[in-house]
Amino acid sequence: MRVDWREVVSGDGALSLVAEVERRAGFDADIEVSIVLPEGARVIEGSTEFVLPKRAGAHARVTPCVVTVPPGVVPETDLVLSAQARGGSFGAHAEARYTFGRASRLERQPAPTGPVLPARFLSGPDSESDVP
């Protein structure tokens, strides 16, 4: 699945953002979508929570939510679009943030987890580090 924001600027300078959710081929699960609005933004079409049902088919793209901010307003926090899907043996999460032109900042830097892998797993079987 893929999520993203599409910008639409009206004649009076107001910014509208359209939520896009795309199901990829072979992805057979309901997609639960939620949107977190920053202060100053409002929904003018659609809802901040919806489900794209699996029966919508592969490659189905929906734009059920349009968010707008007044001209000249730059919210202090991001507009967050997130989608989740769960199946009997899998789970998936996708997120798109719209920063309104501010520099993107991560709240918490990602930290690696798990074992340290041998070099041959990272560089392939032809690497010099595999030579005994």
Protein backbone atom coordinates (compact mmCIF):
# COMPACT_ATOMS: atom_id res chain seq x y z
CA MET A 1 0.00 0.00 0.00
CA ARG A 2 1.04 3.59 -0.46
CA VAL A 3 -0.14 6.79 1.22
CA ASP A 4 0.64 10.37 0.28
CA TRP A 5 -0.66 13.94 0.30
CA ARG A 6 -1.49 15.81 -2.90
CA GLU A 7 -1.42 19.63 -2.77
CA VAL A 8 -4.15 21.74 -4.34
CA VAL A 9 -3.83 25.55 -4.14
CA SER A 10 -6.99 27.53 -4.81
CA GLY A 11 -7.19 30.91 -6.53
CA ASP A 12 -7.40 32.75 -3.19
CA GLY A 13 -4.16 31.08 -1.99
CA ALA A 14 -5.81 28.60 0.38
CA LEU A 15 -4.01 25.27 0.51
CA SER A 16 -6.01 22.05 0.31
CA LEU A 17 -4.46 18.64 0.79
CA VAL A 18 -6.00 15.47 -0.59
CA ALA A 19 -5.29 12.19 1.17
CA GLU A 20 -4.33 9.44 -1.28
CA VAL A 21 -4.32 5.76 -0.32
CA GLU A 22 -3.34 3.17 -2.88
CA ARG A 23 -3.72 -0.57 -2.51
CA ARG A 24 -1.06 -2.55 -4.38
CA ALA A 25 -1.75 -5.80 -6.26
CA GLY A 26 -2.01 -8.89 -4.08
CA PHE A 27 -2.85 -6.91 -0.96
CA ASP A 28 -6.02 -8.58 0.30
CA ALA A 29 -6.96 -6.86 3.56
CA ASP A 30 -9.00 -3.91 4.76
CA ILE A 31 -6.91 -0.75 5.12
CA GLU A 32 -7.71 1.38 8.17
CA VAL A 33 -6.82 5.02 7.60
CA SER A 34 -6.54 7.85 10.13
CA ILE A 35 -5.55 11.49 9.85
CA VAL A 36 -4.19 13.68 12.65
CA LEU A 37 -4.88 17.37 12.05
CA PRO A 38 -2.59 20.14 13.29
CA GLU A 39 -4.06 23.26 14.86
CA GLY A 40 -5.48 25.55 12.17
CA ALA A 41 -6.29 22.77 9.70
CA ARG A 42 -9.81 21.52 9.11
CA VAL A 43 -11.53 18.81 7.12
CA ILE A 44 -13.77 20.20 4.37
CA GLU A 45 -14.58 16.88 2.70
CA GLY A 46 -14.52 13.33 4.04
CA SER A 47 -13.49 12.09 7.45
CA THR A 48 -10.36 11.76 9.56
CA GLU A 49 -10.98 8.01 9.94
CA PHE A 50 -12.15 5.57 7.28
CA VAL A 51 -11.63 2.06 5.97
CA LEU A 52 -10.70 1.10 2.42
CA PRO A 53 -12.33 -2.35 2.22
CA LYS A 54 -10.51 -5.22 0.57
CA ARG A 55 -13.37 -5.61 -1.88
CA ALA A 56 -12.34 -2.24 -3.39
CA GLY A 57 -9.88 -4.24 -5.48
CA ALA A 58 -6.23 -4.02 -6.38
CA HIS A 59 -4.80 -0.64 -7.33
CA ALA A 60 -7.87 1.13 -5.90
CA ARG A 61 -7.03 4.73 -5.12
CA VAL A 62 -9.28 6.78 -2.91
CA THR A 63 -9.23 10.44 -1.95
CA PRO A 64 -11.98 10.60 0.66
CA CYS A 65 -10.50 13.38 2.77
CA VAL A 66 -9.66 16.97 1.86
CA VAL A 67 -7.94 19.12 4.48
CA THR A 68 -7.46 22.88 4.18
CA VAL A 69 -5.59 25.65 6.00
CA PRO A 70 -6.28 29.38 5.64
CA PRO A 71 -3.96 31.46 3.42
CA GLY A 72 -0.74 32.39 5.24
CA VAL A 73 -1.23 29.89 8.09
CA VAL A 74 1.69 27.52 8.72
CA PRO A 75 0.76 24.97 11.41
CA GLU A 76 3.45 24.15 13.98
CA THR A 77 2.92 20.39 13.73
CA ASP A 78 2.66 17.97 10.83
CA LEU A 79 -0.48 16.72 9.15
CA VAL A 80 -0.23 12.94 9.52
CA LEU A 81 -1.86 10.36 7.26
CA SER A 82 -1.43 6.77 8.42
CA ALA A 83 -2.77 3.47 7.13
CA GLN A 84 -2.70 0.02 8.69
CA ALA A 85 -3.70 -3.41 7.50
CA ARG A 86 -3.72 -6.76 9.26
CA GLY A 87 -4.13 -10.28 7.99
CA GLY A 88 -3.83 -13.76 9.44
CA SER A 89 -0.09 -13.85 8.89
CA PHE A 90 0.98 -10.26 8.22
CA GLY A 91 0.65 -6.64 9.17
CA ALA A 92 1.55 -3.42 7.36
CA HIS A 93 1.78 0.26 8.27
CA ALA A 94 2.38 3.28 6.04
CA GLU A 95 2.61 6.94 7.02
CA ALA A 96 2.85 10.25 5.16
CA ARG A 97 3.57 13.54 6.89
CA TYR A 98 2.94 16.96 5.43
CA THR A 99 5.20 19.58 7.04
CA PHE A 100 3.73 22.75 5.47
CA GLY A 101 7.23 23.74 4.29
CA ARG A 102 8.90 23.34 7.67
CA ALA A 103 12.04 21.21 7.88
CA SER A 104 11.08 17.62 8.70
CA ARG A 105 12.15 16.47 12.13
CA LEU A 106 11.93 13.07 13.69
CA GLU A 107 10.66 12.95 17.25
CA ARG A 108 12.89 9.99 17.98
CA GLN A 109 15.80 8.77 15.87
CA PRO A 110 15.43 5.14 14.80
CA ALA A 111 17.75 2.70 16.53
CA PRO A 112 18.81 -0.62 15.04
CA THR A 113 17.62 -3.75 16.80
CA GLY A 114 18.54 -7.39 16.44
CA PRO A 115 21.84 -9.22 16.03
CA VAL A 116 24.88 -7.87 14.22
CA LEU A 117 25.01 -9.61 10.84
CA PRO A 118 28.21 -10.99 9.31
CA ALA A 119 29.64 -8.91 6.47
CA ARG A 120 28.79 -11.57 3.87
CA PHE A 121 25.09 -10.87 4.44
CA LEU A 122 25.57 -7.18 3.75
CA SER A 123 27.97 -7.26 0.81
CA GLY A 124 27.18 -10.57 -0.91
CA PRO A 125 29.08 -13.82 -1.45
CA ASP A 126 31.76 -12.25 -3.68
CA SER A 127 33.07 -9.88 -1.02
CA GLU A 128 36.65 -10.11 0.19
CA SER A 129 35.44 -10.48 3.77
CA ASP A 130 34.22 -14.01 2.92
CA VAL A 131 37.70 -15.25 2.14
CA PRO A 132 38.77 -17.69 4.92
